[in-house]
Protein backbone atom coordinates (compact mmCIF):
# COMPACT_ATOMS: atom_id res chain seq x y z
CA UNK A 1 0.00 0.00 0.00
CA UNK A 2 1.20 3.53 -0.69
CA UNK A 3 2.50 5.49 2.30
CA UNK A 4 0.00 8.29 1.70
CA UNK A 5 -2.93 5.88 1.94
CA UNK A 6 -1.61 4.39 5.18
CA UNK A 7 -1.09 7.84 6.67
CA UNK A 8 -4.61 8.99 5.70
CA UNK A 9 -6.13 5.74 6.89
CA UNK A 10 -4.44 6.06 10.28
CA UNK A 11 -5.51 9.71 10.64
CA UNK A 12 -9.11 8.87 9.72
CA UNK A 13 -9.15 6.05 12.27
CA UNK A 14 -7.76 8.36 14.96
CA UNK A 15 -10.43 10.98 14.26
CA UNK A 16 -13.29 8.46 14.37
CA UNK A 17 -11.85 6.88 17.51
CA UNK A 18 -11.89 10.25 19.26
CA UNK A 19 -15.49 10.89 18.15
CA UNK A 20 -16.47 7.47 19.48
CA UNK A 21 -14.72 8.25 22.75
CA UNK A 22 -16.84 11.40 23.11
CA UNK A 23 -20.05 9.40 22.76
CA UNK A 24 -18.83 6.84 25.27
CA UNK A 25 -17.89 9.52 27.79
CA UNK A 26 -21.25 11.21 27.33
CA UNK A 27 -23.07 7.91 27.91
CA UNK A 28 -20.93 7.13 30.96
CA UNK A 29 -21.70 10.53 32.47
CA UNK A 30 -25.45 10.17 31.91
CA UNK A 31 -25.48 6.61 33.22
CA UNK A 32 -23.54 7.60 36.32
CA UNK A 33 -25.65 10.72 37.04
CA UNK A 34 -29.06 9.29 36.23
CA UNK A 35 -28.72 5.70 37.43
CA UNK A 36 -25.69 4.79 39.48
CA UNK A 37 -25.56 7.85 41.73
CA UNK A 38 -29.25 7.78 42.66
CA UNK A 39 -29.77 4.06 43.28
CA UNK A 40 -28.66 1.85 46.11
CA UNK A 41 -27.98 -1.69 44.92
CA UNK A 42 -28.44 -4.33 47.60
CA UNK A 43 -27.75 -7.28 45.30
CA UNK A 44 -26.63 -8.07 41.79
CA UNK A 45 -30.22 -8.94 40.87
CA UNK A 46 -31.47 -5.57 42.15
CA UNK A 47 -28.72 -3.79 40.20
CA UNK A 48 -29.65 -5.62 37.00
CA UNK A 49 -33.32 -4.75 37.48
CA UNK A 50 -32.74 -1.04 38.14
CA UNK A 51 -30.22 -0.71 35.34
CA UNK A 52 -32.59 -2.43 32.90
CA UNK A 53 -35.40 -0.05 33.90
CA UNK A 54 -33.08 2.92 33.31
CA UNK A 55 -31.99 1.50 29.92
CA UNK A 56 -35.60 0.95 28.83
CA UNK A 57 -36.59 4.47 29.85
CA UNK A 58 -33.58 5.97 28.08
CA UNK A 59 -33.98 3.95 24.88
CA UNK A 60 -37.75 3.87 24.51
CA UNK A 61 -39.42 6.78 26.28
CA UNK A 62 -36.98 9.65 26.83
CA UNK A 63 -36.57 12.30 24.11
CA UNK A 64 -32.99 12.76 22.88
CA UNK A 65 -31.47 16.02 21.67
CA UNK A 66 -29.59 14.15 18.93
CA UNK A 67 -32.98 13.05 17.56
CA UNK A 68 -34.56 16.52 17.57
CA UNK A 69 -36.03 15.84 21.01
CA UNK A 70 -38.08 12.88 19.85
CA UNK A 71 -38.17 9.53 21.59
CA UNK A 72 -36.41 6.75 19.66
CA UNK A 73 -39.79 5.25 18.73
CA UNK A 74 -41.10 8.60 17.43
CA UNK A 75 -37.88 9.18 15.51
CA UNK A 76 -38.14 5.72 13.93
CA UNK A 77 -41.75 6.35 12.84
CA UNK A 78 -40.82 9.73 11.41
CA UNK A 79 -37.83 8.42 9.46
CA UNK A 80 -39.35 5.06 8.54
CA UNK A 81 -36.64 3.04 10.27
CA UNK A 82 -36.66 0.60 13.16
CA UNK A 83 -36.34 1.87 16.75
CA UNK A 84 -32.88 1.55 18.16
C-alpha atoms as a PDB file:
ATOM      1  CA  UNK A   1       0.000   0.000   0.000  1.00  0.00           C
ATOM      2  CA  UNK A   2       1.201   3.532  -0.694  1.00  0.00           C
ATOM      3  CA  UNK A   3       2.496   5.488   2.300  1.00  0.00           C
ATOM      4  CA  UNK A   4      -0.002   8.287   1.696  1.00  0.00           C
ATOM      5  CA  UNK A   5      -2.932   5.879   1.937  1.00  0.00           C
ATOM      6  CA  UNK A   6      -1.614   4.394   5.183  1.00  0.00           C
ATOM      7  CA  UNK A   7      -1.092   7.835   6.665  1.00  0.00           C
ATOM      8  CA  UNK A   8      -4.609   8.989   5.703  1.00  0.00           C
ATOM      9  CA  UNK A   9      -6.132   5.744   6.893  1.00  0.00           C
ATOM     10  CA  UNK A  10      -4.437   6.063  10.285  1.00  0.00           C
ATOM     11  CA  UNK A  11      -5.514   9.711  10.636  1.00  0.00           C
ATOM     12  CA  UNK A  12      -9.113   8.871   9.724  1.00  0.00           C
ATOM     13  CA  UNK A  13      -9.153   6.050  12.269  1.00  0.00           C
ATOM     14  CA  UNK A  14      -7.757   8.355  14.965  1.00  0.00           C
ATOM     15  CA  UNK A  15     -10.427  10.978  14.257  1.00  0.00           C
ATOM     16  CA  UNK A  16     -13.294   8.461  14.373  1.00  0.00           C
ATOM     17  CA  UNK A  17     -11.852   6.877  17.510  1.00  0.00           C
ATOM     18  CA  UNK A  18     -11.890  10.250  19.258  1.00  0.00           C
ATOM     19  CA  UNK A  19     -15.495  10.888  18.151  1.00  0.00           C
ATOM     20  CA  UNK A  20     -16.468   7.471  19.476  1.00  0.00           C
ATOM     21  CA  UNK A  21     -14.721   8.245  22.751  1.00  0.00           C
ATOM     22  CA  UNK A  22     -16.841  11.404  23.112  1.00  0.00           C
ATOM     23  CA  UNK A  23     -20.054   9.398  22.757  1.00  0.00           C
ATOM     24  CA  UNK A  24     -18.832   6.838  25.268  1.00  0.00           C
ATOM     25  CA  UNK A  25     -17.887   9.518  27.787  1.00  0.00           C
ATOM     26  CA  UNK A  26     -21.251  11.210  27.326  1.00  0.00           C
ATOM     27  CA  UNK A  27     -23.066   7.907  27.910  1.00  0.00           C
ATOM     28  CA  UNK A  28     -20.930   7.127  30.960  1.00  0.00           C
ATOM     29  CA  UNK A  29     -21.702  10.526  32.473  1.00  0.00           C
ATOM     30  CA  UNK A  30     -25.448  10.173  31.911  1.00  0.00           C
ATOM     31  CA  UNK A  31     -25.482   6.607  33.217  1.00  0.00           C
ATOM     32  CA  UNK A  32     -23.538   7.598  36.322  1.00  0.00           C
ATOM     33  CA  UNK A  33     -25.647  10.723  37.038  1.00  0.00           C
ATOM     34  CA  UNK A  34     -29.058   9.287  36.232  1.00  0.00           C
ATOM     35  CA  UNK A  35     -28.722   5.703  37.432  1.00  0.00           C
ATOM     36  CA  UNK A  36     -25.686   4.789  39.484  1.00  0.00           C
ATOM     37  CA  UNK A  37     -25.564   7.855  41.735  1.00  0.00           C
ATOM     38  CA  UNK A  38     -29.252   7.782  42.661  1.00  0.00           C
ATOM     39  CA  UNK A  39     -29.766   4.058  43.282  1.00  0.00           C
ATOM     40  CA  UNK A  40     -28.659   1.854  46.109  1.00  0.00           C
ATOM     41  CA  UNK A  41     -27.978  -1.686  44.924  1.00  0.00           C
ATOM     42  CA  UNK A  42     -28.440  -4.331  47.598  1.00  0.00           C
ATOM     43  CA  UNK A  43     -27.750  -7.278  45.304  1.00  0.00           C
ATOM     44  CA  UNK A  44     -26.633  -8.067  41.789  1.00  0.00           C
ATOM     45  CA  UNK A  45     -30.217  -8.936  40.866  1.00  0.00           C
ATOM     46  CA  UNK A  46     -31.467  -5.568  42.152  1.00  0.00           C
ATOM     47  CA  UNK A  47     -28.717  -3.794  40.200  1.00  0.00           C
ATOM     48  CA  UNK A  48     -29.652  -5.619  37.003  1.00  0.00           C
ATOM     49  CA  UNK A  49     -33.323  -4.755  37.478  1.00  0.00           C
ATOM     50  CA  UNK A  50     -32.737  -1.043  38.144  1.00  0.00           C
ATOM     51  CA  UNK A  51     -30.215  -0.711  35.339  1.00  0.00           C
ATOM     52  CA  UNK A  52     -32.591  -2.430  32.900  1.00  0.00           C
ATOM     53  CA  UNK A  53     -35.401  -0.052  33.897  1.00  0.00           C
ATOM     54  CA  UNK A  54     -33.078   2.915  33.314  1.00  0.00           C
ATOM     55  CA  UNK A  55     -31.991   1.503  29.922  1.00  0.00           C
ATOM     56  CA  UNK A  56     -35.598   0.945  28.834  1.00  0.00           C
ATOM     57  CA  UNK A  57     -36.590   4.466  29.848  1.00  0.00           C
ATOM     58  CA  UNK A  58     -33.582   5.966  28.075  1.00  0.00           C
ATOM     59  CA  UNK A  59     -33.980   3.955  24.881  1.00  0.00           C
ATOM     60  CA  UNK A  60     -37.748   3.866  24.506  1.00  0.00           C
ATOM     61  CA  UNK A  61     -39.416   6.783  26.275  1.00  0.00           C
ATOM     62  CA  UNK A  62     -36.982   9.653  26.834  1.00  0.00           C
ATOM     63  CA  UNK A  63     -36.575  12.299  24.114  1.00  0.00           C
ATOM     64  CA  UNK A  64     -32.994  12.760  22.882  1.00  0.00           C
ATOM     65  CA  UNK A  65     -31.468  16.019  21.674  1.00  0.00           C
ATOM     66  CA  UNK A  66     -29.593  14.152  18.933  1.00  0.00           C
ATOM     67  CA  UNK A  67     -32.983  13.054  17.560  1.00  0.00           C
ATOM     68  CA  UNK A  68     -34.563  16.522  17.565  1.00  0.00           C
ATOM     69  CA  UNK A  69     -36.028  15.836  21.007  1.00  0.00           C
ATOM     70  CA  UNK A  70     -38.076  12.881  19.851  1.00  0.00           C
ATOM     71  CA  UNK A  71     -38.171   9.529  21.591  1.00  0.00           C
ATOM     72  CA  UNK A  72     -36.406   6.753  19.662  1.00  0.00           C
ATOM     73  CA  UNK A  73     -39.792   5.249  18.734  1.00  0.00           C
ATOM     74  CA  UNK A  74     -41.102   8.600  17.431  1.00  0.00           C
ATOM     75  CA  UNK A  75     -37.878   9.177  15.515  1.00  0.00           C
ATOM     76  CA  UNK A  76     -38.142   5.715  13.928  1.00  0.00           C
ATOM     77  CA  UNK A  77     -41.748   6.345  12.841  1.00  0.00           C
ATOM     78  CA  UNK A  78     -40.816   9.734  11.412  1.00  0.00           C
ATOM     79  CA  UNK A  79     -37.826   8.424   9.464  1.00  0.00           C
ATOM     80  CA  UNK A  80     -39.347   5.056   8.543  1.00  0.00           C
ATOM     81  CA  UNK A  81     -36.639   3.045  10.270  1.00  0.00           C
ATOM     82  CA  UNK A  82     -36.663   0.600  13.159  1.00  0.00           C
ATOM     83  CA  UNK A  83     -36.344   1.873  16.752  1.00  0.00           C
ATOM     84  CA  UNK A  84     -32.876   1.554  18.158  1.00  0.00           C
END
